[in-house]
Amino acid sequence: MKVVFMGTPDFAVPCLQALIDNKHEVLAVVTQPDRPVGRSSKLMPTPVKEKAVQYNIPVLQPDKIKAPEAVEALKALQPEVIVVVAFGQILSQAVLDIPPKGCINVHGSLLPKLRGAAPIQWSIINGDKTTGVTTMFMDKGLDTGDMILKREFEIYEDDTYETLHNRMSGIGAEVLIETLKLIEEGKAPRTPQEHDKHTYAPMLQKTTGHIDWSKSAGEVYNLIRGTYPWPGSYSTYMGKKFKVFASEIYEEESENSEYGIIKEVGKDYLLVSCGKGSLKILELQFENEKRMGVEVYLRGHNIEINTRLE
C-alpha cells in the first residue's frame, strides 16, 4: 500500500523498517523537527528521520501537523493509509480524513488500559504482569479509536522500561504488518473500546522518580524499573541526592512503622525499610559522582545505618 509514516523516537523505527522490508510504498516520513542536544546544542535528527534518510525517503518536519500547509502537503502525497507510531503530535480531523483506508496507530498497551504518552513506563510502575500492543483506527480522541489487533505478552520480573520498550517495539512492527494485511484484504475488524474501563498513562516528569519509602518494597522496586533509564529514581541521604539504578526486593511482608531507614550496610547493598517490606539498593549514583555498584561506592565512602532516606 501507499503509506505515509509518522513517528519520531527509537520505538517507531522497527515499524518503519517493517514497512520497507514488506514492500509497502512509503511515500514520505513525517517526524518532529530536529532538536538541539547536549552542551553544544547541536541540532540532531530524530531516529525515524535517520532511518528515512538511509532509504532516501522524503522527510517532512512540520512544527505543527495541523497547520494548513502541512495538511496540504499530506493531501498532495495521496496516501492510502497513514501509519502513526509515537509521533508526538495530535492529528486534526483534516489529517485523519486524508487517507481513504484510515490513520492507523500502534500503541504500547492493551487498550483501553493506559491511554496516553507513557504506557510502557506506567505498566511497570503499576506492577502489571502483562502488557501488549494494540493497533487501532485513529479518531480525534486520545487513543480512543476502534481497535484492530491486540498482542498480549508477559512483563518479566527484571524488565525495565528500556528492556520492555525494546521488546515491544519489535512486536509492534509485527502487529502492524498483520494489521495492514487485513486492511488490504478488507478484513480488518473494528472493535469499539470500552471507554468506561480506560486508564491513563501521563508523560513522566523528573519528579516522577522521587522514591516514596512509605510505599511497599514492591512498589518502590517497580518505580525504579519503570523509570530506568529516564527520568531515573532518586532519594536523598543526609541532604545529598542520589539516583538508584538497580535494586531487589529483600522481603515484602513486614509492616514498618519507620520507613526509608537504612537497616543494614552489606558488602554490596544497602538494605532500606519500606512502608511494607524492605529493599536492597545495588547500584547508585550520587550527585557529581559516577554511577557505580554499592560495593565500589563503599570502598571510598561511609554509609551510616539507621539513617533516614528522604
Protein backbone atom coordinates (compact mmCIF):
# COMPACT_ATOMS: atom_id res chain seq x y z
CA MET A 1 0.00 0.00 0.00
CA LYS A 2 0.95 3.64 -0.37
CA VAL A 3 1.83 4.76 3.14
CA VAL A 4 2.78 7.96 4.91
CA PHE A 5 4.61 7.11 8.13
CA MET A 6 4.51 9.41 11.15
CA GLY A 7 6.89 8.69 14.02
CA THR A 8 9.74 10.16 16.00
CA PRO A 9 11.68 8.09 18.60
CA ASP A 10 13.52 4.76 18.59
CA PHE A 11 10.30 2.94 19.38
CA ALA A 12 8.91 3.82 15.93
CA VAL A 13 11.95 2.72 13.90
CA PRO A 14 11.18 -1.05 13.73
CA CYS A 15 7.71 -0.24 12.36
CA LEU A 16 9.19 1.90 9.60
CA GLN A 17 11.76 -0.79 8.83
CA ALA A 18 8.98 -3.40 8.65
CA LEU A 19 7.06 -1.29 6.13
CA ILE A 20 10.17 -1.06 3.96
CA ASP A 21 11.01 -4.76 4.30
CA ASN A 22 7.45 -5.79 3.41
CA LYS A 23 7.47 -3.72 0.20
CA HIS A 24 4.93 -1.11 1.21
CA GLU A 25 5.49 2.13 -0.68
CA VAL A 26 6.50 4.69 1.94
CA LEU A 27 5.69 7.96 0.21
CA ALA A 28 7.12 10.13 2.97
CA VAL A 29 8.04 10.16 6.63
CA VAL A 30 6.69 12.84 8.94
CA THR A 31 8.67 13.40 12.12
CA GLN A 32 9.38 16.07 14.69
CA PRO A 33 11.81 18.89 13.83
CA ASP A 34 15.50 18.43 14.62
CA ARG A 35 16.20 19.46 18.23
CA PRO A 36 19.34 20.83 19.94
CA VAL A 37 21.12 18.19 22.02
CA GLY A 38 23.88 18.42 24.61
CA ARG A 39 26.00 21.33 25.73
CA SER A 40 26.85 22.26 22.17
CA SER A 41 23.13 22.46 21.31
CA LYS A 42 23.88 20.76 18.02
CA LEU A 43 20.72 20.04 16.04
CA MET A 44 20.11 16.31 15.88
CA PRO A 45 17.69 14.41 13.63
CA THR A 46 15.12 12.08 15.13
CA PRO A 47 15.80 8.32 14.94
CA VAL A 48 12.95 7.99 12.43
CA LYS A 49 14.43 10.69 10.21
CA GLU A 50 17.80 8.93 10.26
CA LYS A 51 16.16 5.70 9.08
CA ALA A 52 14.22 7.52 6.34
CA VAL A 53 17.35 9.23 5.05
CA GLN A 54 19.08 5.84 4.90
CA TYR A 55 16.45 4.71 2.38
CA ASN A 56 16.11 8.05 0.55
CA ILE A 57 12.55 8.50 1.74
CA PRO A 58 11.32 12.13 1.68
CA VAL A 59 11.05 13.66 5.16
CA LEU A 60 8.57 16.29 6.36
CA GLN A 61 9.17 18.03 9.70
CA PRO A 62 6.34 20.49 10.35
CA ASP A 63 6.28 22.34 13.64
CA LYS A 64 2.53 21.71 13.71
CA ILE A 65 0.97 18.87 11.74
CA LYS A 66 -2.41 20.62 11.81
CA ALA A 67 -1.05 23.73 10.04
CA PRO A 68 -2.78 24.29 6.67
CA GLU A 69 0.46 23.95 4.69
CA ALA A 70 1.24 20.63 6.39
CA VAL A 71 -2.25 19.31 5.67
CA GLU A 72 -1.95 20.30 2.01
CA ALA A 73 1.45 18.62 1.73
CA LEU A 74 -0.05 15.39 3.05
CA LYS A 75 -3.01 15.60 0.69
CA ALA A 76 -0.65 16.02 -2.27
CA LEU A 77 1.02 12.70 -1.39
CA GLN A 78 -2.31 10.84 -1.76
CA PRO A 79 -1.58 8.05 0.74
CA GLU A 80 -3.92 5.10 1.05
CA VAL A 81 -3.14 4.86 4.75
CA ILE A 82 -1.24 6.90 7.34
CA VAL A 83 0.65 4.89 9.98
CA VAL A 84 1.34 6.69 13.26
CA VAL A 85 3.80 5.35 15.86
CA ALA A 86 4.85 7.61 18.75
CA PHE A 87 4.74 10.69 16.55
CA GLY A 88 4.32 13.23 19.34
CA GLN A 89 1.57 15.46 17.93
CA ILE A 90 -2.21 15.16 17.92
CA LEU A 91 -3.69 14.77 14.43
CA SER A 92 -6.50 17.10 13.40
CA GLN A 93 -9.65 15.84 11.75
CA ALA A 94 -8.39 17.34 8.49
CA VAL A 95 -5.40 14.98 8.62
CA LEU A 96 -7.44 12.00 9.78
CA ASP A 97 -9.72 12.43 6.77
CA ILE A 98 -6.91 12.31 4.17
CA PRO A 99 -6.24 8.55 3.67
CA PRO A 100 -9.21 6.54 2.37
CA LYS A 101 -8.18 3.47 4.41
CA GLY A 102 -7.68 5.44 7.60
CA CYS A 103 -4.97 6.53 10.00
CA ILE A 104 -3.58 3.54 11.91
CA ASN A 105 -1.85 3.83 15.27
CA VAL A 106 0.44 1.33 17.01
CA HIS A 107 0.01 1.82 20.77
CA GLY A 108 2.08 0.24 23.55
CA SER A 109 -0.68 -1.09 25.79
CA LEU A 110 -3.79 -3.23 25.76
CA LEU A 111 -6.36 -0.53 25.15
CA PRO A 112 -8.39 0.96 26.73
CA LYS A 113 -5.85 0.45 29.50
CA LEU A 114 -3.06 3.04 29.68
CA ARG A 115 -4.03 5.58 27.08
CA GLY A 116 -1.54 8.42 26.84
CA ALA A 117 2.12 9.22 26.34
CA ALA A 118 3.93 6.73 28.60
CA PRO A 119 2.10 3.38 28.66
CA ILE A 120 5.25 1.23 28.77
CA GLN A 121 6.68 3.00 31.81
CA TRP A 122 3.40 3.01 33.72
CA SER A 123 2.73 -0.67 33.03
CA ILE A 124 5.90 -1.43 35.02
CA ILE A 125 5.38 1.25 37.68
CA ASN A 126 1.84 -0.03 38.26
CA GLY A 127 3.11 -3.57 38.74
CA ASP A 128 1.31 -5.11 35.77
CA LYS A 129 2.25 -8.70 34.97
CA THR A 130 1.28 -8.48 31.30
CA THR A 131 1.06 -5.77 28.69
CA GLY A 132 0.69 -5.68 24.93
CA VAL A 133 0.39 -3.82 21.66
CA THR A 134 -2.85 -2.54 20.15
CA THR A 135 -3.41 -1.27 16.62
CA MET A 136 -6.41 0.99 16.07
CA PHE A 137 -8.15 3.25 13.62
CA MET A 138 -7.44 6.75 14.92
CA ASP A 139 -10.08 9.31 15.77
CA LYS A 140 -9.86 12.77 17.34
CA GLY A 141 -9.72 11.42 20.89
CA LEU A 142 -6.60 10.44 22.83
CA ASP A 143 -6.11 6.75 21.95
CA THR A 144 -9.90 6.25 21.76
CA GLY A 145 -10.27 4.79 18.25
CA ASP A 146 -11.71 1.41 17.27
CA MET A 147 -9.23 -1.41 17.84
CA ILE A 148 -7.98 -3.72 15.08
CA LEU A 149 -5.49 -6.20 16.61
CA LYS A 150 -4.05 -6.88 20.05
CA ARG A 151 -0.97 -8.87 21.05
CA GLU A 152 -0.52 -9.61 24.77
CA PHE A 153 2.76 -10.67 26.37
CA GLU A 154 4.45 -11.01 29.75
CA ILE A 155 6.31 -8.33 31.67
CA TYR A 156 9.32 -10.07 33.18
CA GLU A 157 10.24 -9.58 36.84
CA ASP A 158 13.51 -7.89 35.89
CA ASP A 159 12.17 -5.83 32.98
CA THR A 160 12.97 -2.14 32.97
CA TYR A 161 11.38 0.46 30.75
CA GLU A 162 14.39 0.06 28.46
CA THR A 163 14.13 -3.73 28.03
CA LEU A 164 10.34 -3.75 27.70
CA HIS A 165 10.45 -0.84 25.24
CA ASN A 166 12.95 -2.68 23.04
CA ARG A 167 10.97 -5.93 23.07
CA MET A 168 7.67 -4.16 22.46
CA SER A 169 8.94 -2.12 19.51
CA GLY A 170 9.72 -5.32 17.62
CA ILE A 171 6.37 -6.89 18.48
CA GLY A 172 4.62 -3.69 17.45
CA ALA A 173 6.21 -3.92 14.00
CA GLU A 174 4.92 -7.48 13.58
CA VAL A 175 1.40 -6.48 14.60
CA LEU A 176 1.48 -3.50 12.24
CA ILE A 177 2.25 -5.70 9.24
CA GLU A 178 -0.55 -8.11 10.19
CA THR A 179 -2.89 -5.12 10.54
CA LEU A 180 -2.06 -3.69 7.12
CA LYS A 181 -2.57 -7.10 5.51
CA LEU A 182 -6.09 -7.23 6.97
CA ILE A 183 -6.80 -3.70 5.78
CA GLU A 184 -5.61 -4.53 2.25
CA GLU A 185 -7.89 -7.57 2.23
CA GLY A 186 -10.84 -5.61 3.57
CA LYS A 187 -10.95 -7.89 6.64
CA ALA A 188 -9.78 -5.54 9.39
CA PRO A 189 -12.10 -5.69 12.41
CA ARG A 190 -13.28 -2.52 14.17
CA THR A 191 -13.77 -3.25 17.86
CA PRO A 192 -15.02 -0.26 19.88
CA GLN A 193 -13.18 0.35 23.14
CA GLU A 194 -14.96 0.07 26.48
CA HIS A 195 -14.37 3.70 27.32
CA ASP A 196 -15.56 3.39 30.91
CA LYS A 197 -12.67 0.99 31.59
CA HIS A 198 -9.87 3.22 30.38
CA THR A 199 -6.83 4.22 32.45
CA TYR A 200 -4.31 6.96 31.76
CA ALA A 201 -0.52 6.95 31.36
CA PRO A 202 0.68 10.56 31.58
CA MET A 203 4.07 11.71 30.39
CA LEU A 204 6.78 11.19 33.02
CA GLN A 205 8.35 14.17 34.75
CA LYS A 206 11.71 14.28 36.53
CA THR A 207 9.86 14.27 39.85
CA THR A 208 8.08 11.02 38.94
CA GLY A 209 11.20 9.15 40.01
CA HIS A 210 11.26 10.50 43.58
CA ILE A 211 11.08 7.42 45.81
CA ASP A 212 8.34 7.42 48.44
CA TRP A 213 9.68 4.99 51.03
CA SER A 214 6.26 4.75 52.70
CA LYS A 215 5.18 2.59 49.80
CA SER A 216 5.79 -1.17 49.72
CA ALA A 217 9.08 -2.68 48.63
CA GLY A 218 7.36 -3.99 45.51
CA GLU A 219 6.05 -0.54 44.58
CA VAL A 220 9.48 1.05 45.04
CA TYR A 221 11.10 -1.73 43.02
CA ASN A 222 8.60 -1.18 40.20
CA LEU A 223 9.22 2.58 40.22
CA ILE A 224 12.96 2.05 39.88
CA ARG A 225 12.45 -0.32 36.93
CA GLY A 226 9.78 1.78 35.23
CA THR A 227 11.79 5.00 35.31
CA TYR A 228 15.04 3.45 34.04
CA PRO A 229 16.87 4.94 32.20
CA TRP A 230 14.81 8.17 32.26
CA PRO A 231 13.97 10.08 34.38
CA GLY A 232 15.54 7.71 36.89
CA SER A 233 14.55 7.09 40.51
CA TYR A 234 16.17 9.06 43.29
CA SER A 235 16.27 9.73 47.01
CA THR A 236 18.44 11.75 49.39
CA TYR A 237 20.96 10.69 52.02
CA MET A 238 21.92 13.36 54.57
CA GLY A 239 20.80 16.04 52.13
CA LYS A 240 22.71 14.57 49.18
CA LYS A 241 20.63 13.42 46.22
CA PHE A 242 21.42 10.06 44.67
CA LYS A 243 19.90 8.01 41.89
CA VAL A 244 19.07 4.32 42.22
CA PHE A 245 19.76 2.26 39.11
CA ALA A 246 19.35 -1.30 40.39
CA SER A 247 17.64 -2.90 43.35
CA GLU A 248 16.00 -6.10 44.51
CA ILE A 249 13.22 -6.90 46.93
CA TYR A 250 14.59 -8.38 50.16
CA GLU A 251 11.22 -9.21 51.71
CA GLU A 252 7.67 -7.99 51.22
CA GLU A 253 5.58 -8.91 54.26
CA SER A 254 6.66 -6.91 57.32
CA GLU A 255 4.78 -3.73 58.20
CA ASN A 256 7.22 -0.99 59.22
CA SER A 257 6.28 1.97 61.40
CA GLU A 258 9.51 3.63 60.26
CA TYR A 259 10.40 3.61 56.59
CA GLY A 260 13.25 4.89 54.48
CA ILE A 261 15.66 3.74 57.19
CA ILE A 262 18.99 2.18 56.23
CA LYS A 263 18.78 -1.01 58.30
CA GLU A 264 21.94 -2.68 57.08
CA VAL A 265 25.05 -1.87 55.04
CA GLY A 266 26.17 -5.07 53.35
CA LYS A 267 29.21 -5.74 51.22
CA ASP A 268 27.37 -4.84 48.02
CA TYR A 269 23.99 -3.49 49.11
CA LEU A 270 22.11 -1.06 51.33
CA LEU A 271 19.04 -2.55 53.00
CA VAL A 272 16.26 0.02 53.33
CA SER A 273 12.93 -0.37 55.13
CA CYS A 274 9.79 0.47 53.18
CA GLY A 275 6.25 1.00 54.40
CA LYS A 276 5.86 -2.71 53.83
CA GLY A 277 8.87 -4.94 53.38
CA SER A 278 12.43 -3.88 52.59
CA LEU A 279 14.58 -3.30 49.53
CA LYS A 280 18.23 -3.75 48.66
CA ILE A 281 19.88 -0.90 46.75
CA LEU A 282 22.54 -2.42 44.49
CA GLU A 283 23.65 0.36 42.15
CA LEU A 284 23.57 4.11 42.67
CA GLN A 285 24.98 7.47 41.69
CA PHE A 286 25.43 10.46 43.97
CA GLU A 287 25.41 13.95 42.50
CA ASN A 288 28.67 14.85 40.76
CA GLU A 289 29.92 11.28 41.05
CA LYS A 290 30.00 8.28 38.73
CA ARG A 291 27.37 5.58 38.59
CA MET A 292 28.63 2.51 40.45
CA GLY A 293 27.68 -0.59 42.35
CA VAL A 294 27.26 -0.18 46.11
CA GLU A 295 30.31 -2.38 46.71
CA VAL A 296 32.51 0.03 44.76
CA TYR A 297 30.92 3.08 46.38
CA LEU A 298 31.57 1.76 49.89
CA ARG A 299 35.31 1.45 49.19
CA GLY A 300 35.61 5.21 49.39
CA HIS A 301 32.56 6.28 51.39
CA ASN A 302 30.83 5.53 54.65
CA ILE A 303 27.09 4.98 54.88
CA GLU A 304 25.61 5.12 58.38
CA ILE A 305 22.92 2.64 59.40
CA ASN A 306 19.68 3.90 60.96
CA THR A 307 19.87 6.99 58.72
CA ARG A 308 16.64 8.06 57.05
CA LEU A 309 16.44 8.49 53.30
CA GLU A 310 14.12 11.22 52.09
